[in-house]
PDB file of N, CA and C in Angstrom:
ATOM      1  N   MET A   1     -37.231 -54.072 163.793  1.00  0.00           N
ATOM      2  CA  MET A   1     -38.639 -53.349 163.630  1.00  0.00           C
ATOM      3  C   MET A   1     -38.476 -53.067 162.539  1.00  0.00           C
ATOM      4  N   ARG A   2     -37.233 -52.102 161.814  1.00  0.00           N
ATOM      5  CA  ARG A   2     -37.033 -51.803 160.440  1.00  0.00           C
ATOM      6  C   ARG A   2     -37.007 -52.785 159.545  1.00  0.00           C
ATOM      7  N   ASP A   3     -36.390 -53.871 159.825  1.00  0.00           N
ATOM      8  CA  ASP A   3     -36.642 -54.549 158.832  1.00  0.00           C
ATOM      9  C   ASP A   3     -37.881 -55.580 158.622  1.00  0.00           C
ATOM     10  N   LYS A   4     -38.932 -55.841 159.521  1.00  0.00           N
ATOM     11  CA  LYS A   4     -40.423 -56.161 158.798  1.00  0.00           C
ATOM     12  C   LYS A   4     -40.693 -54.774 158.123  1.00  0.00           C
ATOM     13  N   ILE A   5     -40.503 -53.467 158.893  1.00  0.00           N
ATOM     14  CA  ILE A   5     -41.154 -52.898 157.663  1.00  0.00           C
ATOM     15  C   ILE A   5     -40.936 -53.205 156.397  1.00  0.00           C
ATOM     16  N   MET A   6     -39.439 -52.820 156.129  1.00  0.00           N
ATOM     17  CA  MET A   6     -39.043 -53.037 154.613  1.00  0.00           C
ATOM     18  C   MET A   6     -39.205 -54.279 153.824  1.00  0.00           C
ATOM     19  N   VAL A   7     -39.991 -55.451 154.424  1.00  0.00           N
ATOM     20  CA  VAL A   7     -40.519 -56.290 153.847  1.00  0.00           C
ATOM     21  C   VAL A   7     -41.709 -56.162 153.584  1.00  0.00           C
ATOM     22  N   THR A   8     -43.141 -55.494 154.632  1.00  0.00           N
ATOM     23  CA  THR A   8     -44.306 -55.139 154.651  1.00  0.00           C
ATOM     24  C   THR A   8     -44.198 -54.434 153.105  1.00  0.00           C
ATOM     25  N   ILE A   9     -43.653 -53.168 153.287  1.00  0.00           N
ATOM     26  CA  ILE A   9     -43.874 -52.095 151.761  1.00  0.00           C
ATOM     27  C   ILE A   9     -44.193 -52.922 150.375  1.00  0.00           C
ATOM     28  N   PRO A  10     -43.079 -53.846 150.020  1.00  0.00           N
ATOM     29  CA  PRO A  10     -43.258 -54.210 148.558  1.00  0.00           C
ATOM     30  C   PRO A  10     -44.562 -54.786 148.303  1.00  0.00           C
ATOM     31  N   SER A  11     -45.036 -55.638 149.504  1.00  0.00           N
ATOM     32  CA  SER A  11     -45.853 -56.467 149.386  1.00  0.00           C
ATOM     33  C   SER A  11     -47.434 -55.458 149.159  1.00  0.00           C
ATOM     34  N   ILE A  12     -47.142 -54.178 148.821  1.00  0.00           N
ATOM     35  CA  ILE A  12     -48.211 -53.213 148.576  1.00  0.00           C
ATOM     36  C   ILE A  12     -48.515 -53.342 146.685  1.00  0.00           C
ATOM     37  N   PRO A  13     -49.157 -54.059 146.323  1.00  0.00           N
ATOM     38  CA  PRO A  13     -48.845 -54.106 144.704  1.00  0.00           C
ATOM     39  C   PRO A  13     -49.139 -52.201 144.183  1.00  0.00           C
ATOM     40  N   ARG A  14     -48.585 -52.770 142.675  1.00  0.00           N
ATOM     41  CA  ARG A  14     -48.549 -51.723 141.737  1.00  0.00           C
ATOM     42  C   ARG A  14     -50.111 -51.055 141.534  1.00  0.00           C
ATOM     43  N   GLY A  15     -50.378 -49.953 141.597  1.00  0.00           N
ATOM     44  CA  GLY A  15     -51.517 -49.384 141.458  1.00  0.00           C
ATOM     45  C   GLY A  15     -52.194 -49.675 142.743  1.00  0.00           C
ATOM     46  N   GLN A  16     -51.897 -50.015 143.715  1.00  0.00           N
ATOM     47  CA  GLN A  16     -52.278 -49.580 145.379  1.00  0.00           C
ATOM     48  C   GLN A  16     -51.877 -49.084 146.432  1.00  0.00           C
ATOM     49  N   VAL A  17     -51.993 -48.223 147.013  1.00  0.00           N
ATOM     50  CA  VAL A  17     -51.867 -47.661 148.399  1.00  0.00           C
ATOM     51  C   VAL A  17     -51.695 -48.158 149.297  1.00  0.00           C
ATOM     52  N   SER A  18     -51.351 -47.593 151.237  1.00  0.00           N
ATOM     53  CA  SER A  18     -51.558 -47.834 152.058  1.00  0.00           C
ATOM     54  C   SER A  18     -51.116 -46.615 152.866  1.00  0.00           C
ATOM     55  N   THR A  19     -51.429 -46.819 154.200  1.00  0.00           N
ATOM     56  CA  THR A  19     -50.383 -46.055 155.126  1.00  0.00           C
ATOM     57  C   THR A  19     -49.953 -46.263 156.028  1.00  0.00           C
ATOM     58  N   TYR A  20     -49.177 -44.942 156.667  1.00  0.00           N
ATOM     59  CA  TYR A  20     -48.252 -45.264 157.520  1.00  0.00           C
ATOM     60  C   TYR A  20     -48.399 -46.512 158.692  1.00  0.00           C
ATOM     61  N   GLY A  21     -49.523 -45.688 159.247  1.00  0.00           N
ATOM     62  CA  GLY A  21     -50.187 -46.869 160.131  1.00  0.00           C
ATOM     63  C   GLY A  21     -50.261 -48.428 159.692  1.00  0.00           C
ATOM     64  N   ALA A  22     -50.845 -48.279 158.765  1.00  0.00           N
ATOM     65  CA  ALA A  22     -51.606 -49.718 158.085  1.00  0.00           C
ATOM     66  C   ALA A  22     -50.489 -50.611 157.936  1.00  0.00           C
ATOM     67  N   VAL A  23     -49.055 -49.673 157.517  1.00  0.00           N
ATOM     68  CA  VAL A  23     -48.043 -50.587 157.162  1.00  0.00           C
ATOM     69  C   VAL A  23     -47.446 -50.676 158.548  1.00  0.00           C
ATOM     70  N   ALA A  24     -47.500 -50.048 159.537  1.00  0.00           N
ATOM     71  CA  ALA A  24     -47.221 -50.534 160.946  1.00  0.00           C
ATOM     72  C   ALA A  24     -47.866 -51.499 161.430  1.00  0.00           C
ATOM     73  N   LYS A  25     -48.987 -51.580 161.499  1.00  0.00           N
ATOM     74  CA  LYS A  25     -49.759 -52.688 161.962  1.00  0.00           C
ATOM     75  C   LYS A  25     -49.624 -54.245 161.597  1.00  0.00           C
ATOM     76  N   ALA A  26     -49.537 -53.933 159.667  1.00  0.00           N
ATOM     77  CA  ALA A  26     -49.059 -55.059 159.164  1.00  0.00           C
ATOM     78  C   ALA A  26     -47.833 -55.820 159.283  1.00  0.00           C
ATOM     79  N   ALA A  27     -47.112 -55.085 159.735  1.00  0.00           N
ATOM     80  CA  ALA A  27     -45.318 -55.392 159.910  1.00  0.00           C
ATOM     81  C   ALA A  27     -45.205 -56.106 161.717  1.00  0.00           C
ATOM     82  N   GLY A  28     -46.461 -55.799 162.374  1.00  0.00           N
ATOM     83  CA  GLY A  28     -46.416 -55.950 163.652  1.00  0.00           C
ATOM     84  C   GLY A  28     -46.298 -55.047 164.662  1.00  0.00           C
ATOM     85  N   PHE A  29     -46.237 -53.816 164.440  1.00  0.00           N
ATOM     86  CA  PHE A  29     -46.019 -53.000 165.242  1.00  0.00           C
ATOM     87  C   PHE A  29     -47.394 -51.670 165.544  1.00  0.00           C
ATOM     88  N   PRO A  30     -48.524 -52.089 165.708  1.00  0.00           N
ATOM     89  CA  PRO A  30     -49.539 -51.005 165.912  1.00  0.00           C
ATOM     90  C   PRO A  30     -49.410 -49.591 166.483  1.00  0.00           C
ATOM     91  N   GLY A  31     -49.745 -48.714 165.905  1.00  0.00           N
ATOM     92  CA  GLY A  31     -49.150 -47.293 166.582  1.00  0.00           C
ATOM     93  C   GLY A  31     -48.020 -47.187 166.128  1.00  0.00           C
ATOM     94  N   ALA A  32     -47.158 -47.627 165.562  1.00  0.00           N
ATOM     95  CA  ALA A  32     -45.885 -46.849 165.164  1.00  0.00           C
ATOM     96  C   ALA A  32     -45.478 -46.419 163.573  1.00  0.00           C
ATOM     97  N   ALA A  33     -46.573 -45.485 163.153  1.00  0.00           N
ATOM     98  CA  ALA A  33     -46.591 -44.960 162.007  1.00  0.00           C
ATOM     99  C   ALA A  33     -45.605 -43.968 161.972  1.00  0.00           C
ATOM    100  N   ARG A  34     -44.628 -43.494 163.091  1.00  0.00           N
ATOM    101  CA  ARG A  34     -43.508 -42.570 162.717  1.00  0.00           C
ATOM    102  C   ARG A  34     -42.591 -43.513 162.600  1.00  0.00           C
ATOM    103  N   GLN A  35     -42.035 -45.068 162.961  1.00  0.00           N
ATOM    104  CA  GLN A  35     -41.419 -45.732 162.845  1.00  0.00           C
ATOM    105  C   GLN A  35     -41.167 -46.061 161.308  1.00  0.00           C
ATOM    106  N   VAL A  36     -42.161 -46.147 160.827  1.00  0.00           N
ATOM    107  CA  VAL A  36     -42.506 -46.516 158.924  1.00  0.00           C
ATOM    108  C   VAL A  36     -41.697 -45.228 158.663  1.00  0.00           C
ATOM    109  N   VAL A  37     -42.391 -43.907 158.751  1.00  0.00           N
ATOM    110  CA  VAL A  37     -41.581 -43.231 158.059  1.00  0.00           C
ATOM    111  C   VAL A  37     -40.353 -42.629 158.440  1.00  0.00           C
ATOM    112  N   ALA A  38     -39.192 -43.530 159.331  1.00  0.00           N
ATOM    113  CA  ALA A  38     -38.080 -43.265 159.459  1.00  0.00           C
ATOM    114  C   ALA A  38     -37.598 -44.381 158.630  1.00  0.00           C
ATOM    115  N   ALA A  39     -38.105 -45.640 158.765  1.00  0.00           N
ATOM    116  CA  ALA A  39     -37.706 -46.770 157.511  1.00  0.00           C
ATOM    117  C   ALA A  39     -38.229 -46.124 156.372  1.00  0.00           C
ATOM    118  N   LEU A  40     -38.330 -45.222 155.530  1.00  0.00           N
ATOM    119  CA  LEU A  40     -38.589 -44.777 154.287  1.00  0.00           C
ATOM    120  C   LEU A  40     -37.540 -43.917 154.361  1.00  0.00           C
ATOM    121  N   ARG A  41     -36.996 -42.914 155.133  1.00  0.00           N
ATOM    122  CA  ARG A  41     -36.402 -42.339 154.710  1.00  0.00           C
ATOM    123  C   ARG A  41     -34.612 -42.646 154.184  1.00  0.00           C
ATOM    124  N   GLY A  42     -34.399 -43.540 154.824  1.00  0.00           N
ATOM    125  CA  GLY A  42     -32.667 -44.011 154.776  1.00  0.00           C
ATOM    126  C   GLY A  42     -32.968 -45.070 153.527  1.00  0.00           C
ATOM    127  N   ALA A  43     -33.913 -45.486 152.951  1.00  0.00           N
ATOM    128  CA  ALA A  43     -34.347 -47.027 152.242  1.00  0.00           C
ATOM    129  C   ALA A  43     -33.718 -46.520 150.990  1.00  0.00           C
ATOM    130  N   VAL A  44     -33.416 -47.434 149.843  1.00  0.00           N
ATOM    131  CA  VAL A  44     -33.097 -47.722 148.783  1.00  0.00           C
ATOM    132  C   VAL A  44     -34.215 -48.767 148.142  1.00  0.00           C
ATOM    133  N   GLY A  45     -34.717 -48.537 146.607  1.00  0.00           N
ATOM    134  CA  GLY A  45     -35.593 -49.390 146.250  1.00  0.00           C
ATOM    135  C   GLY A  45     -36.535 -49.739 146.843  1.00  0.00           C
ATOM    136  N   LEU A  46     -37.067 -49.023 147.621  1.00  0.00           N
ATOM    137  CA  LEU A  46     -38.678 -49.707 147.729  1.00  0.00           C
ATOM    138  C   LEU A  46     -39.294 -48.728 147.207  1.00  0.00           C
ATOM    139  N   PRO A  47     -40.640 -49.056 147.354  1.00  0.00           N
ATOM    140  CA  PRO A  47     -41.962 -48.484 146.493  1.00  0.00           C
ATOM    141  C   PRO A  47     -42.035 -47.382 147.730  1.00  0.00           C
ATOM    142  N   TRP A  48     -41.706 -46.058 147.787  1.00  0.00           N
ATOM    143  CA  TRP A  48     -41.830 -45.597 148.520  1.00  0.00           C
ATOM    144  C   TRP A  48     -42.990 -44.477 148.350  1.00  0.00           C
ATOM    145  N   GLN A  49     -43.857 -44.539 147.444  1.00  0.00           N
ATOM    146  CA  GLN A  49     -44.565 -43.711 146.871  1.00  0.00           C
ATOM    147  C   GLN A  49     -45.919 -44.363 147.135  1.00  0.00           C
ATOM    148  N   ARG A  50     -45.943 -45.434 147.577  1.00  0.00           N
ATOM    149  CA  ARG A  50     -46.943 -46.497 147.698  1.00  0.00           C
ATOM    150  C   ARG A  50     -47.382 -46.292 149.560  1.00  0.00           C
ATOM    151  N   VAL A  51     -47.116 -45.556 150.084  1.00  0.00           N
ATOM    152  CA  VAL A  51     -47.431 -45.301 151.313  1.00  0.00           C
ATOM    153  C   VAL A  51     -47.506 -43.765 151.320  1.00  0.00           C
ATOM    154  N   LEU A  52     -48.860 -43.268 152.187  1.00  0.00           N
ATOM    155  CA  LEU A  52     -49.175 -42.011 152.258  1.00  0.00           C
ATOM    156  C   LEU A  52     -49.433 -42.050 154.134  1.00  0.00           C
ATOM    157  N   GLY A  53     -49.922 -40.591 154.353  1.00  0.00           N
ATOM    158  CA  GLY A  53     -50.458 -40.612 155.055  1.00  0.00           C
ATOM    159  C   GLY A  53     -52.004 -40.662 155.359  1.00  0.00           C
ATOM    160  N   ALA A  54     -52.902 -40.854 156.648  1.00  0.00           N
ATOM    161  CA  ALA A  54     -54.048 -40.994 157.593  1.00  0.00           C
ATOM    162  C   ALA A  54     -54.760 -40.365 155.967  1.00  0.00           C
ATOM    163  N   GLY A  55     -56.154 -41.359 155.482  1.00  0.00           N
ATOM    164  CA  GLY A  55     -56.870 -40.384 154.491  1.00  0.00           C
ATOM    165  C   GLY A  55     -56.259 -40.561 153.104  1.00  0.00           C
ATOM    166  N   GLY A  56     -55.331 -41.057 152.737  1.00  0.00           N
ATOM    167  CA  GLY A  56     -54.919 -40.963 151.361  1.00  0.00           C
ATOM    168  C   GLY A  56     -54.106 -40.036 150.504  1.00  0.00           C
ATOM    169  N   ALA A  57     -53.670 -39.373 152.494  1.00  0.00           N
ATOM    170  CA  ALA A  57     -52.699 -37.606 151.993  1.00  0.00           C
ATOM    171  C   ALA A  57     -51.373 -37.972 151.887  1.00  0.00           C
ATOM    172  N   ILE A  58     -51.070 -37.336 150.609  1.00  0.00           N
ATOM    173  CA  ILE A  58     -49.355 -37.304 150.695  1.00  0.00           C
ATOM    174  C   ILE A  58     -48.871 -36.430 151.470  1.00  0.00           C
ATOM    175  N   LYS A  59     -48.015 -36.340 152.371  1.00  0.00           N
ATOM    176  CA  LYS A  59     -47.441 -35.686 153.458  1.00  0.00           C
ATOM    177  C   LYS A  59     -46.097 -34.964 152.937  1.00  0.00           C
ATOM    178  N   LEU A  60     -45.273 -35.716 152.224  1.00  0.00           N
ATOM    179  CA  LEU A  60     -44.545 -35.246 151.738  1.00  0.00           C
ATOM    180  C   LEU A  60     -44.269 -33.402 151.289  1.00  0.00           C
ATOM    181  N   ARG A  61     -43.401 -32.649 151.193  1.00  0.00           N
ATOM    182  CA  ARG A  61     -43.840 -31.648 150.683  1.00  0.00           C
ATOM    183  C   ARG A  61     -42.430 -31.403 149.274  1.00  0.00           C
ATOM    184  N   GLY A  62     -42.867 -29.882 148.726  1.00  0.00           N
ATOM    185  CA  GLY A  62     -42.078 -29.586 147.672  1.00  0.00           C
ATOM    186  C   GLY A  62     -42.188 -30.232 146.958  1.00  0.00           C
ATOM    187  N   ASP A  63     -41.170 -30.496 146.051  1.00  0.00           N
ATOM    188  CA  ASP A  63     -40.935 -31.550 144.952  1.00  0.00           C
ATOM    189  C   ASP A  63     -40.860 -32.831 145.097  1.00  0.00           C
ATOM    190  N   TYR A  64     -40.754 -33.082 146.620  1.00  0.00           N
ATOM    191  CA  TYR A  64     -41.208 -34.945 146.944  1.00  0.00           C
ATOM    192  C   TYR A  64     -42.318 -35.108 146.622  1.00  0.00           C
ATOM    193  N   ALA A  65     -43.267 -34.424 147.054  1.00  0.00           N
ATOM    194  CA  ALA A  65     -44.901 -33.793 146.935  1.00  0.00           C
ATOM    195  C   ALA A  65     -45.323 -34.647 145.542  1.00  0.00           C
ATOM    196  N   PHE A  66     -44.617 -33.639 144.539  1.00  0.00           N
ATOM    197  CA  PHE A  66     -45.040 -33.459 143.489  1.00  0.00           C
ATOM    198  C   PHE A  66     -44.466 -34.787 143.052  1.00  0.00           C
ATOM    199  N   GLU A  67     -43.313 -35.644 143.310  1.00  0.00           N
ATOM    200  CA  GLU A  67     -42.881 -36.898 143.200  1.00  0.00           C
ATOM    201  C   GLU A  67     -43.606 -37.433 142.824  1.00  0.00           C
ATOM    202  N   GLN A  68     -44.271 -38.021 144.312  1.00  0.00           N
ATOM    203  CA  GLN A  68     -44.787 -38.877 144.593  1.00  0.00           C
ATOM    204  C   GLN A  68     -46.359 -39.157 144.356  1.00  0.00           C
ATOM    205  N   ARG A  69     -46.959 -37.884 143.749  1.00  0.00           N
ATOM    206  CA  ARG A  69     -48.123 -37.860 142.906  1.00  0.00           C
ATOM    207  C   ARG A  69     -47.558 -38.435 141.616  1.00  0.00           C
ATOM    208  N   PHE A  70     -47.309 -37.808 140.949  1.00  0.00           N
ATOM    209  CA  PHE A  70     -46.388 -38.024 139.742  1.00  0.00           C
ATOM    210  C   PHE A  70     -46.807 -39.337 139.239  1.00  0.00           C
ATOM    211  N   ARG A  71     -45.442 -40.480 140.589  1.00  0.00           N
ATOM    212  CA  ARG A  71     -45.282 -41.832 140.589  1.00  0.00           C
ATOM    213  C   ARG A  71     -46.732 -42.428 140.711  1.00  0.00           C
ATOM    214  N   LEU A  72     -47.781 -41.905 141.254  1.00  0.00           N
ATOM    215  CA  LEU A  72     -48.772 -42.774 141.600  1.00  0.00           C
ATOM    216  C   LEU A  72     -50.135 -42.851 140.624  1.00  0.00           C
ATOM    217  N   GLU A  73     -49.807 -41.424 140.123  1.00  0.00           N
ATOM    218  CA  GLU A  73     -50.240 -41.282 138.453  1.00  0.00           C
ATOM    219  C   GLU A  73     -49.775 -42.108 137.644  1.00  0.00           C
ATOM    220  N   ALA A  74     -48.931 -42.524 137.647  1.00  0.00           N
ATOM    221  CA  ALA A  74     -47.952 -43.383 136.386  1.00  0.00           C
ATOM    222  C   ALA A  74     -48.514 -44.645 136.464  1.00  0.00           C
ATOM    223  N   GLU A  75     -48.882 -45.053 137.881  1.00  0.00           N
ATOM    224  CA  GLU A  75     -49.147 -46.550 138.144  1.00  0.00           C
ATOM    225  C   GLU A  75     -50.545 -46.748 138.185  1.00  0.00           C
ATOM    226  N   GLY A  76     -51.294 -45.689 137.623  1.00  0.00           N
ATOM    227  CA  GLY A  76     -52.871 -45.731 137.904  1.00  0.00           C
ATOM    228  C   GLY A  76     -53.657 -45.333 138.791  1.00  0.00           C
ATOM    229  N   VAL A  77     -52.675 -44.891 139.680  1.00  0.00           N
ATOM    230  CA  VAL A  77     -53.485 -44.352 141.037  1.00  0.00           C
ATOM    231  C   VAL A  77     -54.218 -43.061 140.621  1.00  0.00           C
ATOM    232  N   THR A  78     -55.839 -42.726 140.892  1.00  0.00           N
ATOM    233  CA  THR A  78     -56.483 -41.823 140.631  1.00  0.00           C
ATOM    234  C   THR A  78     -56.596 -41.188 142.382  1.00  0.00           C
ATOM    235  N   PHE A  79     -56.421 -39.432 141.972  1.00  0.00           N
ATOM    236  CA  PHE A  79     -56.993 -38.812 143.435  1.00  0.00           C
ATOM    237  C   PHE A  79     -57.984 -37.988 143.277  1.00  0.00           C
ATOM    238  N   ARG A  80     -58.847 -37.859 144.458  1.00  0.00           N
ATOM    239  CA  ARG A  80     -59.636 -37.072 144.641  1.00  0.00           C
ATOM    240  C   ARG A  80     -59.374 -35.474 145.159  1.00  0.00           C
ATOM    241  N   GLY A  81     -59.570 -34.953 144.472  1.00  0.00           N
ATOM    242  CA  GLY A  81     -58.579 -33.396 145.199  1.00  0.00           C
ATOM    243  C   GLY A  81     -57.063 -34.256 145.323  1.00  0.00           C
ATOM    244  N   ARG A  82     -56.583 -33.840 146.201  1.00  0.00           N
ATOM    245  CA  ARG A  82     -55.808 -33.593 147.011  1.00  0.00           C
ATOM    246  C   ARG A  82     -54.918 -34.704 147.238  1.00  0.00           C
ATOM    247  N   LYS A  83     -56.303 -35.923 147.699  1.00  0.00           N
ATOM    248  CA  LYS A  83     -56.230 -37.069 147.986  1.00  0.00           C
ATOM    249  C   LYS A  83     -55.879 -38.510 147.382  1.00  0.00           C
ATOM    250  N   VAL A  84     -55.392 -40.121 147.653  1.00  0.00           N
ATOM    251  CA  VAL A  84     -55.964 -40.925 146.761  1.00  0.00           C
ATOM    252  C   VAL A  84     -57.167 -40.674 147.000  1.00  0.00           C
ATOM    253  N   ASP A  85     -57.955 -41.565 146.100  1.00  0.00           N
ATOM    254  CA  ASP A  85     -59.112 -42.034 145.973  1.00  0.00           C
ATOM    255  C   ASP A  85     -59.160 -43.547 146.954  1.00  0.00           C
ATOM    256  N   MET A  86     -58.865 -44.033 148.354  1.00  0.00           N
ATOM    257  CA  MET A  86     -58.812 -44.732 148.711  1.00  0.00           C
ATOM    258  C   MET A  86     -59.747 -46.000 148.758  1.00  0.00           C
ATOM    259  N   LYS A  87     -60.951 -45.645 148.327  1.00  0.00           N
ATOM    260  CA  LYS A  87     -62.102 -46.488 148.507  1.00  0.00           C
ATOM    261  C   LYS A  87     -61.927 -47.490 147.013  1.00  0.00           C
ATOM    262  N   LEU A  88     -60.972 -46.722 145.537  1.00  0.00           N
ATOM    263  CA  LEU A  88     -60.655 -47.465 144.824  1.00  0.00           C
ATOM    264  C   LEU A  88     -59.226 -48.195 145.086  1.00  0.00           C
ATOM    265  N   HIS A  89     -58.032 -47.816 146.156  1.00  0.00           N
ATOM    266  CA  HIS A  89     -56.891 -47.721 145.603  1.00  0.00           C
ATOM    267  C   HIS A  89     -56.100 -48.665 146.890  1.00  0.00           C
ATOM    268  N   GLU A  90     -56.644 -48.667 147.986  1.00  0.00           N
ATOM    269  CA  GLU A  90     -56.308 -48.626 148.992  1.00  0.00           C
ATOM    270  C   GLU A  90     -56.025 -50.545 149.479  1.00  0.00           C
ATOM    271  N   HIS A  91     -54.568 -50.240 149.203  1.00  0.00           N
ATOM    272  CA  HIS A  91     -53.962 -52.309 149.757  1.00  0.00           C
ATOM    273  C   HIS A  91     -54.436 -52.564 151.208  1.00  0.00           C
ATOM    274  N   LYS A  92     -55.275 -53.597 151.088  1.00  0.00           N
ATOM    275  CA  LYS A  92     -55.798 -54.011 152.784  1.00  0.00           C
ATOM    276  C   LYS A  92     -54.824 -55.474 152.438  1.00  0.00           C
ATOM    277  N   PHE A  93     -53.947 -55.537 153.791  1.00  0.00           N
ATOM    278  CA  PHE A  93     -53.016 -56.872 154.270  1.00  0.00           C
ATOM    279  C   PHE A  93     -53.459 -57.702 154.776  1.00  0.00           C
ATOM    280  N   GLN A  94     -53.450 -58.845 154.472  1.00  0.00           N
ATOM    281  CA  GLN A  94     -53.829 -59.920 155.141  1.00  0.00           C
ATOM    282  C   GLN A  94     -53.419 -59.891 156.498  1.00  0.00           C
ATOM    283  N   LYS A  95     -54.528 -60.123 157.399  1.00  0.00           N
ATOM    284  CA  LYS A  95     -54.540 -60.475 158.908  1.00  0.00           C
ATOM    285  C   LYS A  95     -53.536 -61.908 159.023  1.00  0.00           C
ATOM    286  N   ALA A  96     -52.266 -61.049 159.907  1.00  0.00           N
ATOM    287  CA  ALA A  96     -51.730 -62.343 160.086  1.00  0.00           C
ATOM    288  C   ALA A  96     -52.442 -63.872 161.140  1.00  0.00           C
ATOM    289  N   ARG A  97     -52.168 -65.096 160.498  1.00  0.00           N
ATOM    290  CA  ARG A  97     -52.832 -66.059 161.413  1.00  0.00           C
ATOM    291  C   ARG A  97     -51.613 -66.469 162.561  1.00  0.00           C
ATOM    292  N   LYS A  98     -52.752 -66.738 163.408  1.00  0.00           N
ATOM    293  CA  LYS A  98     -52.007 -67.050 164.732  1.00  0.00           C
ATOM    294  C   LYS A  98     -51.510 -68.420 164.864  1.00  0.00           C
ATOM    295  N   ARG A  99     -50.427 -68.758 165.647  1.00  0.00           N
ATOM    296  CA  ARG A  99     -49.439 -69.610 165.506  1.00  0.00           C
ATOM    297  C   ARG A  99     -50.279 -71.144 166.756  1.00  0.00           C
ATOM    298  N   MET A 100     -50.343 -71.938 165.726  1.00  0.00           N
ATOM    299  CA  MET A 100     -51.095 -73.471 166.469  1.00  0.00           C
ATOM    300  C   MET A 100     -50.267 -73.614 167.503  1.00  0.00           C
ATOM    301  N   ARG A 101     -50.381 -74.008 168.975  1.00  0.00           N
ATOM    302  CA  ARG A 101     -49.389 -73.946 170.069  1.00  0.00           C
ATOM    303  C   ARG A 101     -49.433 -75.593 170.261  1.00  0.00           C
TER     304      ARG A 101
END
């Protein structure tokens, strides 16, 4: 599971974001948002700042929240109050095609 999540996150382009739940679904594990959080905890070299809570909310606290917002703004992501403007910046993953048998 972790490997598929780690491959899915880098597919989010610069200047766009996704949610923990959407990443889990795109990796093939709908409803496994907490596993995305767990995978990000030990990850190195992933664009972690592009993964947010539902509705575009930064779920990190303290200095990490400030760093995440700073990194996103540096990529051109805009906010509406405390949340990312998801209408402008949400990445839509392509649906996996079913294999022909």
